[in-house]
C-alpha atoms as a PDB file:
ATOM      1  CA  MET A   1     -22.438 -21.749 -16.093  1.00  0.00           C
ATOM      2  CA  PRO A   2     -21.994 -18.110 -16.499  1.00  0.00           C
ATOM      3  CA  HIS A   3     -19.486 -16.812 -19.149  1.00  0.00           C
ATOM      4  CA  ALA A   4     -15.897 -16.630 -17.978  1.00  0.00           C
ATOM      5  CA  ALA A   5     -15.828 -12.785 -18.456  1.00  0.00           C
ATOM      6  CA  ASN A   6     -19.077 -12.591 -15.808  1.00  0.00           C
ATOM      7  CA  ARG A   7     -17.501 -14.661 -13.249  1.00  0.00           C
ATOM      8  CA  TRP A   8     -15.010 -12.341 -11.599  1.00  0.00           C
ATOM      9  CA  SER A   9     -17.269  -9.965  -9.763  1.00  0.00           C
ATOM     10  CA  TYR A  10     -15.754  -6.544 -10.254  1.00  0.00           C
ATOM     11  CA  ARG A  11     -17.367  -3.641  -8.068  1.00  0.00           C
ATOM     12  CA  PRO A  12     -17.110  -0.205  -9.445  1.00  0.00           C
ATOM     13  CA  GLY A  13     -14.900   2.119  -7.276  1.00  0.00           C
ATOM     14  CA  ILE A  14     -13.070  -0.985  -6.027  1.00  0.00           C
ATOM     15  CA  SER A  15      -9.408  -1.593  -7.991  1.00  0.00           C
ATOM     16  CA  ASP A  16      -7.906  -5.134  -8.495  1.00  0.00           C
ATOM     17  CA  PRO A  17      -4.006  -5.089  -7.766  1.00  0.00           C
ATOM     18  CA  ILE A  18      -1.779  -3.639 -10.484  1.00  0.00           C
ATOM     19  CA  PRO A  19      -0.634  -5.506 -12.072  1.00  0.00           C
ATOM     20  CA  ALA A  20      -3.464  -8.105 -11.687  1.00  0.00           C
ATOM     21  CA  THR A  21      -4.917 -10.809 -14.553  1.00  0.00           C
ATOM     22  CA  PRO A  22      -8.095 -12.223 -13.959  1.00  0.00           C
ATOM     23  CA  LEU A  23      -8.122 -16.468 -15.056  1.00  0.00           C
ATOM     24  CA  PHE A  24     -10.988 -18.801 -15.470  1.00  0.00           C
ATOM     25  CA  ASP A  25     -10.793 -22.643 -15.599  1.00  0.00           C
ATOM     26  CA  ASP A  26      -8.135 -24.510 -17.412  1.00  0.00           C
ATOM     27  CA  SER A  27      -6.283 -20.973 -17.272  1.00  0.00           C
ATOM     28  CA  ILE A  28      -5.147 -20.927 -13.829  1.00  0.00           C
ATOM     29  CA  LEU A  29      -3.402 -23.770 -13.168  1.00  0.00           C
ATOM     30  CA  ALA A  30      -1.849 -23.109 -16.522  1.00  0.00           C
ATOM     31  CA  ASP A  31      -0.241 -19.729 -15.948  1.00  0.00           C
ATOM     32  CA  HIS A  32       3.303 -19.274 -15.150  1.00  0.00           C
ATOM     33  CA  LEU A  33       2.630 -17.287 -11.528  1.00  0.00           C
ATOM     34  CA  VAL A  34       0.332 -19.848 -10.583  1.00  0.00           C
ATOM     35  CA  ALA A  35       2.472 -22.538 -11.299  1.00  0.00           C
ATOM     36  CA  GLU A  36       5.559 -20.690  -9.970  1.00  0.00           C
ATOM     37  CA  LEU A  37       3.593 -20.626  -6.519  1.00  0.00           C
ATOM     38  CA  LEU A  38       2.343 -24.017  -6.596  1.00  0.00           C
ATOM     39  CA  ASP A  39       6.134 -25.061  -7.227  1.00  0.00           C
ATOM     40  CA  ALA A  40       7.059 -22.984  -4.261  1.00  0.00           C
ATOM     41  CA  ARG A  41       7.132 -24.796  -0.819  1.00  0.00           C
ATOM     42  CA  LEU A  42       4.548 -22.116   0.644  1.00  0.00           C
ATOM     43  CA  VAL A  43       1.871 -22.117   3.012  1.00  0.00           C
ATOM     44  CA  ALA A  44      -1.513 -21.173   1.989  1.00  0.00           C
ATOM     45  CA  VAL A  45      -4.480 -19.697   3.231  1.00  0.00           C
ATOM     46  CA  PHE A  46      -7.830 -21.952   3.166  1.00  0.00           C
ATOM     47  CA  ALA A  47     -11.280 -20.155   3.658  1.00  0.00           C
ATOM     48  CA  THR A  48     -14.793 -21.744   4.230  1.00  0.00           C
ATOM     49  CA  LEU A  49     -17.937 -20.440   4.633  1.00  0.00           C
ATOM     50  CA  ASP A  50     -19.503 -20.875   8.423  1.00  0.00           C
ATOM     51  CA  PRO A  51     -23.120 -21.667   8.683  1.00  0.00           C
ATOM     52  CA  GLY A  52     -23.401 -18.244  10.163  1.00  0.00           C
ATOM     53  CA  GLY A  53     -21.998 -16.415   7.219  1.00  0.00           C
ATOM     54  CA  THR A  54     -18.640 -15.920   8.595  1.00  0.00           C
ATOM     55  CA  ILE A  55     -15.087 -16.624   6.909  1.00  0.00           C
ATOM     56  CA  HIS A  56     -13.190 -19.138   8.705  1.00  0.00           C
ATOM     57  CA  ALA A  57     -10.007 -19.046   7.050  1.00  0.00           C
ATOM     58  CA  VAL A  58      -6.678 -21.480   8.252  1.00  0.00           C
ATOM     59  CA  PRO A  59      -2.976 -21.347   6.738  1.00  0.00           C
ATOM     60  CA  MET A  60      -2.430 -24.829   5.302  1.00  0.00           C
ATOM     61  CA  TRP A  61      -0.257 -27.449   3.053  1.00  0.00           C
ATOM     62  CA  PHE A  62      -0.942 -28.223  -0.400  1.00  0.00           C
ATOM     63  CA  ALA A  63       0.311 -30.035  -3.047  1.00  0.00           C
ATOM     64  CA  ALA A  64      -0.288 -29.171  -7.006  1.00  0.00           C
ATOM     65  CA  ASP A  65      -2.355 -31.916  -9.134  1.00  0.00           C
ATOM     66  CA  GLU A  66      -3.032 -31.995 -12.859  1.00  0.00           C
ATOM     67  CA  THR A  67      -6.517 -30.467 -12.779  1.00  0.00           C
ATOM     68  CA  SER A  68      -6.443 -29.819  -8.762  1.00  0.00           C
ATOM     69  CA  ILE A  69      -4.666 -28.469  -5.941  1.00  0.00           C
ATOM     70  CA  LEU A  70      -4.585 -31.271  -3.051  1.00  0.00           C
ATOM     71  CA  LEU A  71      -4.670 -30.356   0.894  1.00  0.00           C
ATOM     72  CA  ALA A  72      -4.775 -32.336   3.904  1.00  0.00           C
ATOM     73  CA  THR A  73      -6.745 -31.891   6.727  1.00  0.00           C
ATOM     74  CA  ALA A  74      -8.645 -33.675   9.647  1.00  0.00           C
ATOM     75  CA  SER A  75     -12.574 -35.067   9.420  1.00  0.00           C
ATOM     76  CA  ARG A  76     -13.588 -33.338  12.573  1.00  0.00           C
ATOM     77  CA  SER A  77     -11.877 -30.192  11.857  1.00  0.00           C
ATOM     78  CA  ARG A  78     -14.530 -26.558  11.481  1.00  0.00           C
ATOM     79  CA  LYS A  79     -13.133 -26.254   7.483  1.00  0.00           C
ATOM     80  CA  MET A  80     -14.773 -30.151   7.240  1.00  0.00           C
ATOM     81  CA  GLY A  81     -17.803 -29.289   9.017  1.00  0.00           C
ATOM     82  CA  ASN A  82     -18.401 -25.891   6.519  1.00  0.00           C
ATOM     83  CA  LEU A  83     -17.608 -27.930   3.764  1.00  0.00           C
ATOM     84  CA  GLU A  84     -19.600 -30.418   4.505  1.00  0.00           C
ATOM     85  CA  ALA A  85     -22.556 -27.551   4.425  1.00  0.00           C
ATOM     86  CA  ASP A  86     -21.367 -25.856   1.304  1.00  0.00           C
ATOM     87  CA  SER A  87     -18.282 -26.674  -0.824  1.00  0.00           C
ATOM     88  CA  ARG A  88     -17.432 -23.088  -1.529  1.00  0.00           C
ATOM     89  CA  SER A  89     -14.120 -22.159  -0.893  1.00  0.00           C
ATOM     90  CA  THR A  90     -11.057 -19.803  -1.663  1.00  0.00           C
ATOM     91  CA  LEU A  91      -7.942 -20.495  -1.489  1.00  0.00           C
ATOM     92  CA  VAL A  92      -4.514 -17.433  -1.175  1.00  0.00           C
ATOM     93  CA  ILE A  93      -0.910 -18.557  -2.265  1.00  0.00           C
ATOM     94  CA  HIS A  94       1.354 -15.752  -1.882  1.00  0.00           C
ATOM     95  CA  ASP A  95       4.616 -14.983  -1.406  1.00  0.00           C
ATOM     96  CA  SER A  96       5.330 -11.734  -0.025  1.00  0.00           C
ATOM     97  CA  ARG A  97       9.449 -10.138   0.582  1.00  0.00           C
ATOM     98  CA  PRO A  98      10.641  -6.601   1.475  1.00  0.00           C
ATOM     99  CA  GLY A  99       8.732  -3.987   0.009  1.00  0.00           C
ATOM    100  CA  PHE A 100       7.036  -4.357  -3.306  1.00  0.00           C
ATOM    101  CA  GLU A 101       8.730  -7.401  -3.566  1.00  0.00           C
ATOM    102  CA  VAL A 102       5.432  -9.357  -3.410  1.00  0.00           C
ATOM    103  CA  CYS A 103       3.150 -11.774  -5.794  1.00  0.00           C
ATOM    104  CA  GLY A 104      -0.101 -14.453  -5.365  1.00  0.00           C
ATOM    105  CA  VAL A 105      -3.284 -15.523  -6.447  1.00  0.00           C
ATOM    106  CA  SER A 106      -6.421 -15.771  -4.955  1.00  0.00           C
ATOM    107  CA  ILE A 107      -8.636 -18.424  -6.501  1.00  0.00           C
ATOM    108  CA  VAL A 108     -12.247 -19.190  -6.067  1.00  0.00           C
ATOM    109  CA  GLY A 109     -13.300 -22.761  -6.447  1.00  0.00           C
ATOM    110  CA  GLN A 110     -15.349 -25.951  -4.983  1.00  0.00           C
ATOM    111  CA  ALA A 111     -13.246 -27.920  -2.663  1.00  0.00           C
ATOM    112  CA  GLU A 112     -14.060 -31.976  -3.522  1.00  0.00           C
ATOM    113  CA  ILE A 113     -13.942 -34.228  -0.085  1.00  0.00           C
ATOM    114  CA  VAL A 114     -11.834 -37.320  -0.445  1.00  0.00           C
ATOM    115  CA  ARG A 115     -11.872 -40.104   2.516  1.00  0.00           C
ATOM    116  CA  GLY A 116     -11.098 -43.268   3.524  1.00  0.00           C
ATOM    117  CA  ALA A 117      -8.318 -45.264   1.399  1.00  0.00           C
ATOM    118  CA  GLU A 118      -8.683 -42.714  -1.617  1.00  0.00           C
ATOM    119  CA  ALA A 119      -7.695 -40.196   0.678  1.00  0.00           C
ATOM    120  CA  ASP A 120      -4.438 -41.935   2.186  1.00  0.00           C
ATOM    121  CA  PRO A 121      -2.045 -41.287  -1.156  1.00  0.00           C
ATOM    122  CA  LEU A 122      -3.139 -37.875  -1.063  1.00  0.00           C
ATOM    123  CA  VAL A 123      -2.721 -36.928   2.572  1.00  0.00           C
ATOM    124  CA  ARG A 124       0.811 -38.555   2.083  1.00  0.00           C
ATOM    125  CA  ARG A 125       1.840 -36.516  -1.397  1.00  0.00           C
ATOM    126  CA  VAL A 126       1.127 -33.054   0.506  1.00  0.00           C
ATOM    127  CA  HIS A 127       3.191 -34.142   3.766  1.00  0.00           C
ATOM    128  CA  ARG A 128       6.104 -35.255   2.003  1.00  0.00           C
ATOM    129  CA  ARG A 129       6.280 -31.762   0.444  1.00  0.00           C
ATOM    130  CA  TYR A 130       7.056 -30.115   3.923  1.00  0.00           C
ATOM    131  CA  VAL A 131       8.270 -32.930   6.042  1.00  0.00           C
ATOM    132  CA  ASP A 132      11.122 -35.499   5.368  1.00  0.00           C
ATOM    133  CA  ASP A 133       9.821 -38.944   5.461  1.00  0.00           C
ATOM    134  CA  ASP A 134      13.458 -40.308   4.826  1.00  0.00           C
ATOM    135  CA  GLY A 135      14.733 -39.857   8.131  1.00  0.00           C
ATOM    136  CA  GLU A 136      12.546 -41.050  11.484  1.00  0.00           C
ATOM    137  CA  VAL A 137       9.827 -38.786  11.784  1.00  0.00           C
ATOM    138  CA  PRO A 138       9.465 -37.993  15.913  1.00  0.00           C
ATOM    139  CA  ALA A 139       6.676 -39.593  17.361  1.00  0.00           C
ATOM    140  CA  ALA A 140       4.634 -36.086  18.336  1.00  0.00           C
ATOM    141  CA  ALA A 141       5.206 -35.231  14.432  1.00  0.00           C
ATOM    142  CA  ARG A 142       3.978 -38.648  13.656  1.00  0.00           C
ATOM    143  CA  GLU A 143       0.776 -38.215  15.566  1.00  0.00           C
ATOM    144  CA  PHE A 144       0.007 -34.437  14.849  1.00  0.00           C
ATOM    145  CA  LEU A 145       0.571 -36.007  10.631  1.00  0.00           C
ATOM    146  CA  GLU A 146      -1.717 -39.001  10.784  1.00  0.00           C
ATOM    147  CA  SER A 147      -4.606 -36.862  12.129  1.00  0.00           C
ATOM    148  CA  ASP A 148      -5.006 -36.006   9.089  1.00  0.00           C
ATOM    149  CA  ASP A 149      -7.329 -38.315   7.663  1.00  0.00           C
ATOM    150  CA  VAL A 150      -9.421 -36.663   4.556  1.00  0.00           C
ATOM    151  CA  ALA A 151      -7.734 -35.141   1.573  1.00  0.00           C
ATOM    152  CA  LEU A 152      -9.775 -32.012  -0.455  1.00  0.00           C
ATOM    153  CA  ARG A 153      -9.214 -32.088  -3.791  1.00  0.00           C
ATOM    154  CA  PHE A 154      -9.512 -27.988  -4.618  1.00  0.00           C
ATOM    155  CA  ARG A 155     -10.813 -27.492  -8.083  1.00  0.00           C
ATOM    156  CA  PRO A 156     -10.276 -23.808  -9.667  1.00  0.00           C
ATOM    157  CA  GLN A 157     -13.006 -22.030 -10.985  1.00  0.00           C
ATOM    158  CA  SER A 158     -11.793 -18.691 -11.153  1.00  0.00           C
ATOM    159  CA  ALA A 159      -8.885 -16.645  -9.877  1.00  0.00           C
ATOM    160  CA  LEU A 160      -7.034 -13.084  -9.505  1.00  0.00           C
ATOM    161  CA  THR A 161      -2.733 -13.294  -9.707  1.00  0.00           C
ATOM    162  CA  TRP A 162      -0.740 -10.202  -8.540  1.00  0.00           C
ATOM    163  CA  ASP A 163       2.821  -9.805  -9.113  1.00  0.00           C
ATOM    164  CA  GLN A 164       4.214  -6.219  -8.210  1.00  0.00           C
ATOM    165  CA  ARG A 165       8.020  -7.965  -8.516  1.00  0.00           C
ATOM    166  CA  GLY A 166       8.545  -6.183 -12.152  1.00  0.00           C
ATOM    167  CA  THR A 167       7.313  -3.064 -11.439  1.00  0.00           C
ATOM    168  CA  GLU A 168       8.800   0.181 -11.795  1.00  0.00           C
ATOM    169  CA  ALA A 169       7.958   0.845  -7.980  1.00  0.00           C
ATOM    170  CA  ASN A 170       9.172  -2.333  -6.726  1.00  0.00           C
ATOM    171  CA  SER A 171      12.888  -1.434  -8.831  1.00  0.00           C
ATOM    172  CA  ALA A 172      12.849   2.070  -7.651  1.00  0.00           C
ATOM    173  CA  LEU A 173      12.290   1.131  -3.521  1.00  0.00           C
ATOM    174  CA  ARG A 174      14.513  -1.394  -3.582  1.00  0.00           C
ATOM    175  CA  ALA A 175      17.662   0.673  -5.575  1.00  0.00           C
ATOM    176  CA  SER A 176      16.655   3.245  -2.772  1.00  0.00           C
ATOM    177  CA  GLY A 177      17.304   0.805  -0.123  1.00  0.00           C
ATOM    178  CA  GLY A 178      13.599   1.775   1.418  1.00  0.00           C
ATOM    179  CA  ALA A 179      12.784  -0.831   1.762  1.00  0.00           C
ATOM    180  CA  LEU A 180      11.948  -2.188   5.589  1.00  0.00           C
ATOM    181  CA  PRO A 181      12.433  -6.416   5.831  1.00  0.00           C
ATOM    182  CA  LEU A 182       9.430  -8.582   7.481  1.00  0.00           C
ATOM    183  CA  LEU A 183      10.245  -9.774  10.649  1.00  0.00           C
ATOM    184  CA  PRO A 184       9.163 -13.318  11.093  1.00  0.00           C
ATOM    185  CA  THR A 185       8.274 -14.516  14.696  1.00  0.00           C
ATOM    186  CA  GLU A 186      10.460 -16.400  16.717  1.00  0.00           C
ATOM    187  CA  PRO A 187      10.222 -20.222  16.545  1.00  0.00           C
ATOM    188  CA  ARG A 188       8.555 -21.884  19.849  1.00  0.00           C
ATOM    189  CA  SER A 189      11.157 -23.792  21.901  1.00  0.00           C
END
């Protein structure tokens, strides 16, 4: 494994977000911003490499573990085929608000595929973060959740965080009232 300082590939002329922090190995999940993002109920973007060399990026639910990030998926999904050929992957978790009220992390790592009985409690752990299992789950929703029969144990190797929330630019834009609200799509009925 190369020296930690060399594992994040910097390219001349390309800048990282400011303020940004590169992280490596055990420091990733211990970082306060990463922990804050993992504790929030957000949707991450998980990217794998297709055999043809293109990136396949999809939104996914997640749950933090002691040394990894858990994801739940279907064994017949495209991302599974990609991971069976190449376990390298990237997970982006961000919290974006109007203006410069943004923070996030892009994590590069390896995804271990967990199948069978060992996957079941991990899949349930991810689902419980997003679906209230105290009440009756509607049949259509239950069927959709049951399609997740595989867990992914994503192990971080390097990461880059960004946090604009405390910047002077964010404070000034917020004080001026100039940050336009983000507009979500409408729920479908």
